[in-house]
N, C-alpha and C. Protein backbone atom coordinates (compact mmCIF):
# COMPACT_ATOMS: atom_id res chain seq x y z
N MET A 1 106.08 84.87 122.31
CA MET A 1 105.10 85.83 121.89
C MET A 1 105.71 86.87 120.96
N ARG A 2 106.93 87.30 121.25
CA ARG A 2 107.58 88.28 120.40
C ARG A 2 107.82 87.76 118.99
N VAL A 3 108.19 86.51 118.86
CA VAL A 3 108.43 85.91 117.56
C VAL A 3 107.13 85.95 116.74
N ARG A 4 106.04 85.61 117.40
CA ARG A 4 104.75 85.60 116.72
C ARG A 4 104.37 87.02 116.27
N GLU A 5 104.57 88.01 117.11
CA GLU A 5 104.27 89.39 116.77
C GLU A 5 105.14 89.84 115.59
N GLY A 6 106.39 89.43 115.62
CA GLY A 6 107.31 89.77 114.53
C GLY A 6 106.87 89.17 113.22
N LEU A 7 106.42 87.91 113.26
CA LEU A 7 105.94 87.25 112.05
C LEU A 7 104.68 87.93 111.52
N VAL A 8 103.79 88.32 112.40
CA VAL A 8 102.56 89.01 111.97
C VAL A 8 102.91 90.35 111.35
N ALA A 9 103.84 91.08 111.95
CA ALA A 9 104.26 92.38 111.40
C ALA A 9 104.93 92.20 110.04
N ALA A 10 105.78 91.18 109.92
CA ALA A 10 106.46 90.93 108.64
C ALA A 10 105.45 90.56 107.57
N ALA A 11 104.47 89.74 107.93
CA ALA A 11 103.45 89.36 106.95
C ALA A 11 102.66 90.59 106.51
N GLY A 12 102.38 91.47 107.43
CA GLY A 12 101.67 92.71 107.09
C GLY A 12 102.46 93.56 106.13
N ILE A 13 103.77 93.65 106.34
CA ILE A 13 104.63 94.43 105.45
C ILE A 13 104.66 93.81 104.07
N VAL A 14 104.78 92.49 104.00
CA VAL A 14 104.81 91.81 102.70
C VAL A 14 103.50 92.06 101.96
N LEU A 15 102.37 91.96 102.64
CA LEU A 15 101.08 92.20 102.00
C LEU A 15 100.96 93.64 101.53
N ALA A 16 101.43 94.59 102.32
CA ALA A 16 101.35 96.00 101.94
C ALA A 16 102.21 96.28 100.72
N VAL A 17 103.42 95.74 100.70
CA VAL A 17 104.31 95.95 99.56
C VAL A 17 103.73 95.29 98.32
N GLY A 18 103.17 94.09 98.46
CA GLY A 18 102.55 93.41 97.34
C GLY A 18 101.37 94.19 96.78
N ALA A 19 100.59 94.79 97.66
CA ALA A 19 99.44 95.57 97.20
C ALA A 19 99.87 96.80 96.44
N LEU A 20 101.00 97.37 96.80
CA LEU A 20 101.50 98.54 96.07
C LEU A 20 101.83 98.19 94.63
N GLY A 21 102.31 96.98 94.38
CA GLY A 21 102.66 96.56 93.03
C GLY A 21 101.45 96.28 92.16
N CYS A 22 100.33 95.95 92.75
CA CYS A 22 99.13 95.65 91.97
C CYS A 22 98.59 96.92 91.34
N GLY A 23 98.34 96.87 90.07
CA GLY A 23 97.76 98.02 89.39
C GLY A 23 98.76 99.11 89.08
N ALA A 24 100.03 98.86 89.30
CA ALA A 24 101.04 99.87 89.00
C ALA A 24 101.07 100.11 87.50
N ARG A 25 101.29 101.34 87.12
CA ARG A 25 101.31 101.72 85.71
C ARG A 25 102.57 101.15 85.05
N ALA A 26 102.37 100.57 83.86
CA ALA A 26 103.50 100.06 83.09
C ALA A 26 104.33 101.24 82.59
N GLY A 27 105.54 100.97 82.19
CA GLY A 27 106.41 102.02 81.68
C GLY A 27 105.89 102.63 80.40
N ASP A 28 106.15 103.91 80.21
CA ASP A 28 105.74 104.59 78.99
C ASP A 28 106.48 104.00 77.80
N LEU A 29 105.75 103.75 76.75
CA LEU A 29 106.32 103.25 75.51
C LEU A 29 106.66 104.43 74.60
N ILE A 30 105.69 105.34 74.46
CA ILE A 30 105.87 106.48 73.57
C ILE A 30 104.96 107.61 74.02
N ALA A 31 105.44 108.82 73.89
CA ALA A 31 104.65 110.01 74.20
C ALA A 31 104.67 110.92 72.97
N VAL A 32 103.48 111.38 72.57
CA VAL A 32 103.34 112.22 71.39
C VAL A 32 102.63 113.50 71.77
N GLN A 33 103.21 114.62 71.41
CA GLN A 33 102.52 115.91 71.51
C GLN A 33 102.30 116.40 70.10
N ARG A 34 101.03 116.55 69.76
CA ARG A 34 100.67 117.03 68.43
C ARG A 34 100.06 118.42 68.58
N SER A 35 100.44 119.31 67.69
CA SER A 35 99.88 120.66 67.69
C SER A 35 99.62 121.07 66.25
N GLY A 36 98.89 122.16 66.09
CA GLY A 36 98.60 122.62 64.74
C GLY A 36 97.60 123.75 64.75
N ASP A 37 97.29 124.20 63.55
CA ASP A 37 96.44 125.37 63.38
C ASP A 37 94.99 125.02 63.05
N ILE A 38 94.60 123.77 63.18
CA ILE A 38 93.23 123.38 62.87
C ILE A 38 92.54 122.92 64.16
N PRO A 39 91.22 122.98 64.21
CA PRO A 39 90.51 122.52 65.39
C PRO A 39 90.81 121.05 65.68
N GLY A 40 91.05 120.73 66.94
CA GLY A 40 91.32 119.36 67.35
C GLY A 40 92.75 118.90 67.12
N ALA A 41 93.62 119.79 66.68
CA ALA A 41 95.01 119.38 66.42
C ALA A 41 95.76 119.09 67.72
N ARG A 42 95.48 119.86 68.76
CA ARG A 42 96.23 119.74 70.01
C ARG A 42 95.92 118.41 70.69
N LEU A 43 96.97 117.63 70.93
CA LEU A 43 96.83 116.31 71.54
C LEU A 43 98.08 115.97 72.32
N LYS A 44 97.88 115.45 73.52
CA LYS A 44 98.97 114.88 74.31
C LYS A 44 98.59 113.42 74.53
N LEU A 45 99.38 112.52 73.96
CA LEU A 45 99.08 111.10 73.98
C LEU A 45 100.26 110.35 74.60
N VAL A 46 100.01 109.53 75.60
CA VAL A 46 101.06 108.71 76.21
C VAL A 46 100.57 107.27 76.22
N MET A 47 101.33 106.40 75.54
CA MET A 47 100.98 104.98 75.47
C MET A 47 101.97 104.19 76.31
N THR A 48 101.43 103.26 77.09
CA THR A 48 102.28 102.41 77.92
C THR A 48 102.51 101.07 77.24
N ASP A 49 103.49 100.35 77.73
CA ASP A 49 103.87 99.08 77.12
C ASP A 49 102.86 97.97 77.37
N ASP A 50 101.87 98.22 78.25
CA ASP A 50 100.84 97.21 78.47
C ASP A 50 99.56 97.50 77.69
N GLY A 51 99.62 98.48 76.78
CA GLY A 51 98.49 98.72 75.90
C GLY A 51 97.51 99.78 76.35
N ARG A 52 97.87 100.55 77.35
CA ARG A 52 97.00 101.65 77.78
C ARG A 52 97.46 102.93 77.12
N VAL A 53 96.51 103.85 76.93
CA VAL A 53 96.84 105.15 76.38
C VAL A 53 96.13 106.20 77.21
N ASN A 54 96.82 107.31 77.40
CA ASN A 54 96.25 108.45 78.09
C ASN A 54 96.22 109.60 77.09
N CYS A 55 95.05 110.17 76.90
CA CYS A 55 94.87 111.25 75.93
C CYS A 55 94.51 112.53 76.66
N ASN A 56 95.34 113.55 76.49
CA ASN A 56 95.07 114.87 77.07
C ASN A 56 94.81 114.80 78.57
N ASN A 57 95.58 113.96 79.28
CA ASN A 57 95.49 113.81 80.73
C ASN A 57 94.15 113.29 81.21
N GLY A 58 93.41 112.62 80.34
CA GLY A 58 92.14 112.01 80.72
C GLY A 58 92.37 110.63 81.31
N PRO A 59 91.31 109.85 81.42
CA PRO A 59 91.46 108.49 81.96
C PRO A 59 92.20 107.58 80.98
N ASP A 60 92.88 106.60 81.52
CA ASP A 60 93.54 105.61 80.67
C ASP A 60 92.49 104.80 79.92
N ARG A 61 92.83 104.47 78.68
CA ARG A 61 91.98 103.64 77.83
C ARG A 61 92.87 102.57 77.21
N MET A 62 92.27 101.54 76.67
CA MET A 62 93.02 100.46 76.05
C MET A 62 93.09 100.67 74.54
N VAL A 63 94.27 100.46 73.97
CA VAL A 63 94.42 100.46 72.51
C VAL A 63 94.19 99.04 72.03
N THR A 64 94.01 98.88 70.73
CA THR A 64 93.86 97.53 70.18
C THR A 64 95.21 96.83 70.18
N SER A 65 95.17 95.52 70.06
CA SER A 65 96.42 94.75 69.97
C SER A 65 97.26 95.21 68.79
N GLN A 66 96.60 95.45 67.66
CA GLN A 66 97.33 95.88 66.46
C GLN A 66 97.97 97.25 66.68
N GLN A 67 97.27 98.17 67.34
CA GLN A 67 97.85 99.49 67.61
C GLN A 67 99.07 99.37 68.52
N LEU A 68 99.02 98.48 69.51
CA LEU A 68 100.17 98.28 70.39
C LEU A 68 101.33 97.67 69.61
N ILE A 69 101.06 96.71 68.75
CA ILE A 69 102.11 96.11 67.92
C ILE A 69 102.73 97.18 67.02
N ASP A 70 101.88 97.98 66.39
CA ASP A 70 102.38 99.07 65.52
C ASP A 70 103.23 100.05 66.31
N ALA A 71 102.78 100.41 67.51
CA ALA A 71 103.54 101.35 68.34
C ALA A 71 104.91 100.78 68.69
N ARG A 72 104.95 99.52 69.05
CA ARG A 72 106.24 98.89 69.39
C ARG A 72 107.18 98.86 68.19
N GLU A 73 106.65 98.58 67.01
CA GLU A 73 107.47 98.57 65.79
C GLU A 73 108.01 99.98 65.50
N ILE A 74 107.17 100.98 65.66
CA ILE A 74 107.59 102.36 65.42
C ILE A 74 108.67 102.75 66.43
N VAL A 75 108.48 102.38 67.68
CA VAL A 75 109.48 102.71 68.70
C VAL A 75 110.82 102.04 68.37
N ARG A 76 110.78 100.78 67.96
CA ARG A 76 112.04 100.10 67.59
C ARG A 76 112.73 100.84 66.44
N ALA A 77 111.96 101.30 65.48
CA ALA A 77 112.54 102.04 64.35
C ALA A 77 113.09 103.39 64.82
N LEU A 78 112.40 104.07 65.72
CA LEU A 78 112.87 105.37 66.22
C LEU A 78 114.14 105.22 67.06
N GLU A 79 114.20 104.13 67.83
CA GLU A 79 115.34 103.92 68.72
C GLU A 79 116.51 103.24 68.03
N GLY A 80 116.28 102.68 66.87
CA GLY A 80 117.33 101.94 66.18
C GLY A 80 117.36 100.51 66.68
N GLU A 81 117.90 99.64 65.88
CA GLU A 81 117.98 98.24 66.25
C GLU A 81 119.42 97.78 66.17
N ASP A 82 119.70 96.73 66.94
CA ASP A 82 121.05 96.19 67.00
C ASP A 82 122.04 97.30 67.37
N ASP A 83 123.03 97.53 66.56
CA ASP A 83 124.03 98.55 66.86
C ASP A 83 123.83 99.82 66.05
N THR A 84 122.69 99.98 65.43
CA THR A 84 122.44 101.18 64.62
C THR A 84 121.63 102.19 65.43
N GLU A 85 121.96 103.45 65.24
CA GLU A 85 121.22 104.51 65.90
C GLU A 85 119.96 104.82 65.12
N GLY A 86 118.90 105.12 65.83
CA GLY A 86 117.67 105.53 65.19
C GLY A 86 117.53 107.04 65.26
N PRO A 87 116.48 107.58 64.65
CA PRO A 87 116.26 109.03 64.67
C PRO A 87 116.18 109.62 66.08
N ALA A 88 115.60 108.86 67.03
CA ALA A 88 115.50 109.38 68.40
C ALA A 88 116.87 109.47 69.07
N ASP A 89 117.75 108.53 68.78
CA ASP A 89 119.12 108.59 69.30
C ASP A 89 119.83 109.85 68.81
N ARG A 90 119.54 110.20 67.56
CA ARG A 90 120.20 111.36 66.94
C ARG A 90 119.43 112.67 67.17
N ARG A 91 118.31 112.58 67.88
CA ARG A 91 117.47 113.76 68.18
C ARG A 91 117.10 114.51 66.89
N VAL A 92 116.57 113.77 65.92
CA VAL A 92 116.23 114.35 64.61
C VAL A 92 115.14 115.42 64.78
N ARG A 93 115.39 116.58 64.19
CA ARG A 93 114.44 117.69 64.18
C ARG A 93 114.26 118.13 62.74
N LEU A 94 113.10 117.88 62.16
CA LEU A 94 112.84 118.26 60.78
C LEU A 94 111.96 119.52 60.78
N PRO A 95 112.40 120.57 60.13
CA PRO A 95 111.58 121.79 60.09
C PRO A 95 110.33 121.58 59.26
N PRO A 96 109.26 122.30 59.61
CA PRO A 96 108.05 122.18 58.80
C PRO A 96 108.26 122.74 57.41
N GLY A 97 107.61 122.12 56.44
CA GLY A 97 107.63 122.64 55.07
C GLY A 97 106.53 123.66 54.88
N ARG A 98 106.32 124.05 53.65
CA ARG A 98 105.23 125.00 53.34
C ARG A 98 103.89 124.37 53.67
N ASP A 99 102.97 125.19 54.08
CA ASP A 99 101.59 124.78 54.34
C ASP A 99 101.48 123.66 55.38
N SER A 100 102.31 123.72 56.39
CA SER A 100 102.26 122.73 57.46
C SER A 100 100.96 122.88 58.24
N ILE A 101 100.34 121.76 58.56
CA ILE A 101 99.10 121.77 59.34
C ILE A 101 99.33 121.20 60.73
N LEU A 102 100.01 120.06 60.82
CA LEU A 102 100.24 119.39 62.10
C LEU A 102 101.73 119.28 62.39
N ARG A 103 102.08 119.45 63.66
CA ARG A 103 103.45 119.31 64.12
C ARG A 103 103.49 118.29 65.26
N TYR A 104 104.58 117.52 65.32
CA TYR A 104 104.71 116.44 66.29
C TYR A 104 106.02 116.56 67.05
N VAL A 105 105.96 116.31 68.35
CA VAL A 105 107.15 116.10 69.18
C VAL A 105 106.93 114.75 69.83
N VAL A 106 107.88 113.85 69.64
CA VAL A 106 107.71 112.46 70.07
C VAL A 106 108.87 112.07 70.97
N ARG A 107 108.52 111.47 72.11
CA ARG A 107 109.53 111.03 73.08
C ARG A 107 109.45 109.52 73.24
N VAL A 108 110.61 108.88 73.15
CA VAL A 108 110.74 107.46 73.46
C VAL A 108 111.86 107.34 74.48
N ARG A 109 112.15 106.14 74.91
CA ARG A 109 113.11 105.91 75.99
C ARG A 109 114.48 106.55 75.73
N VAL A 110 114.98 106.48 74.50
CA VAL A 110 116.35 106.92 74.22
C VAL A 110 116.47 108.38 73.78
N GLY A 111 115.36 109.04 73.49
CA GLY A 111 115.44 110.41 73.02
C GLY A 111 114.13 110.87 72.42
N SER A 112 114.22 111.88 71.59
CA SER A 112 113.00 112.43 70.99
C SER A 112 113.26 112.89 69.56
N VAL A 113 112.17 113.09 68.84
CA VAL A 113 112.21 113.61 67.48
C VAL A 113 111.11 114.65 67.35
N SER A 114 111.24 115.51 66.36
CA SER A 114 110.16 116.44 66.04
C SER A 114 110.10 116.62 64.53
N PHE A 115 108.87 116.79 64.04
CA PHE A 115 108.65 116.93 62.61
C PHE A 115 107.25 117.50 62.40
N ALA A 116 106.96 117.85 61.19
CA ALA A 116 105.63 118.32 60.80
C ALA A 116 105.11 117.45 59.67
N ASP A 117 103.82 117.54 59.43
CA ASP A 117 103.24 116.75 58.36
C ASP A 117 103.84 117.10 57.00
N SER A 118 104.40 118.29 56.88
CA SER A 118 104.97 118.73 55.60
C SER A 118 106.50 118.74 55.59
N SER A 119 107.12 118.17 56.62
CA SER A 119 108.58 118.15 56.68
C SER A 119 109.15 117.34 55.53
N SER A 120 110.19 117.87 54.93
CA SER A 120 110.88 117.18 53.85
C SER A 120 111.79 116.11 54.43
N GLY A 121 111.88 114.98 53.75
CA GLY A 121 112.82 113.93 54.14
C GLY A 121 112.39 113.09 55.33
N GLN A 122 111.09 113.00 55.56
CA GLN A 122 110.61 112.19 56.68
C GLN A 122 110.89 110.71 56.44
N PRO A 123 111.45 110.02 57.44
CA PRO A 123 111.58 108.57 57.31
C PRO A 123 110.20 107.92 57.44
N GLN A 124 110.07 106.72 56.99
CA GLN A 124 108.80 105.99 56.99
C GLN A 124 108.18 105.93 58.38
N GLU A 125 109.01 105.77 59.43
CA GLU A 125 108.44 105.65 60.77
C GLU A 125 107.72 106.93 61.23
N PHE A 126 108.12 108.09 60.71
CA PHE A 126 107.41 109.33 61.05
C PHE A 126 106.02 109.32 60.44
N LEU A 127 105.91 108.86 59.19
CA LEU A 127 104.61 108.78 58.54
C LEU A 127 103.71 107.77 59.25
N ARG A 128 104.28 106.63 59.63
CA ARG A 128 103.51 105.61 60.36
C ARG A 128 103.07 106.14 61.72
N LEU A 129 103.94 106.90 62.37
CA LEU A 129 103.62 107.47 63.67
C LEU A 129 102.46 108.46 63.58
N ALA A 130 102.47 109.31 62.57
CA ALA A 130 101.38 110.26 62.37
C ALA A 130 100.06 109.52 62.15
N GLY A 131 100.10 108.44 61.36
CA GLY A 131 98.90 107.65 61.12
C GLY A 131 98.40 106.96 62.38
N LEU A 132 99.31 106.39 63.16
CA LEU A 132 98.94 105.72 64.40
C LEU A 132 98.36 106.74 65.39
N THR A 133 98.97 107.91 65.47
CA THR A 133 98.48 108.95 66.37
C THR A 133 97.04 109.30 66.04
N ARG A 134 96.76 109.47 64.78
CA ARG A 134 95.39 109.79 64.35
C ARG A 134 94.42 108.65 64.67
N ALA A 135 94.83 107.42 64.39
CA ALA A 135 93.97 106.26 64.65
C ALA A 135 93.65 106.12 66.13
N VAL A 136 94.64 106.29 66.99
CA VAL A 136 94.43 106.18 68.43
C VAL A 136 93.59 107.35 68.95
N ALA A 137 93.85 108.55 68.42
CA ALA A 137 93.08 109.72 68.84
C ALA A 137 91.60 109.53 68.50
N LYS A 138 91.33 109.06 67.29
CA LYS A 138 89.94 108.87 66.86
C LYS A 138 89.30 107.62 67.48
N GLY A 139 90.11 106.60 67.72
CA GLY A 139 89.58 105.34 68.26
C GLY A 139 89.46 105.37 69.77
N PRO A 140 90.45 104.82 70.48
CA PRO A 140 90.36 104.74 71.94
C PRO A 140 90.14 106.09 72.65
N CYS A 141 90.72 107.14 72.12
CA CYS A 141 90.59 108.44 72.78
C CYS A 141 89.24 109.09 72.51
N GLY A 142 88.57 108.69 71.43
CA GLY A 142 87.26 109.23 71.12
C GLY A 142 87.27 110.69 70.68
N LEU A 143 88.38 111.13 70.10
CA LEU A 143 88.50 112.52 69.64
C LEU A 143 88.14 112.62 68.16
N PRO A 144 87.77 113.80 67.71
CA PRO A 144 87.38 113.95 66.29
C PRO A 144 88.56 113.89 65.32
N ARG A 145 89.77 114.17 65.78
CA ARG A 145 90.92 114.20 64.87
C ARG A 145 92.09 113.48 65.49
């Protein structure tokens, strides 16, 4: 009888542990905090590696396949590939230029970067990131900007 009770208890534990794994949130792919002096500039966006995005601590929403692909490409560029360091590894901080409207702080697995829409010397991935942020904010997040 004890063996049977032990097996039932073990099965219950396995089922409980398995249920905990179901629906677990995927790891964060990229987090963007956007700020600025115009209406709707303030945004906190966190995208996961399974294609979900959370905007301003609201409910999770799904991004398009293309947006997820773009995000992964941007993250690879920020983190560097092979043995090269990317801007996030180096913690690149670009000061805003004149007439700055939007500012970004971006976190990926290896580090973070910050820049403004008017920062001088922006690498291509910063421009792509600003565009993706806007597209996701207006699309899945349903925000005006």
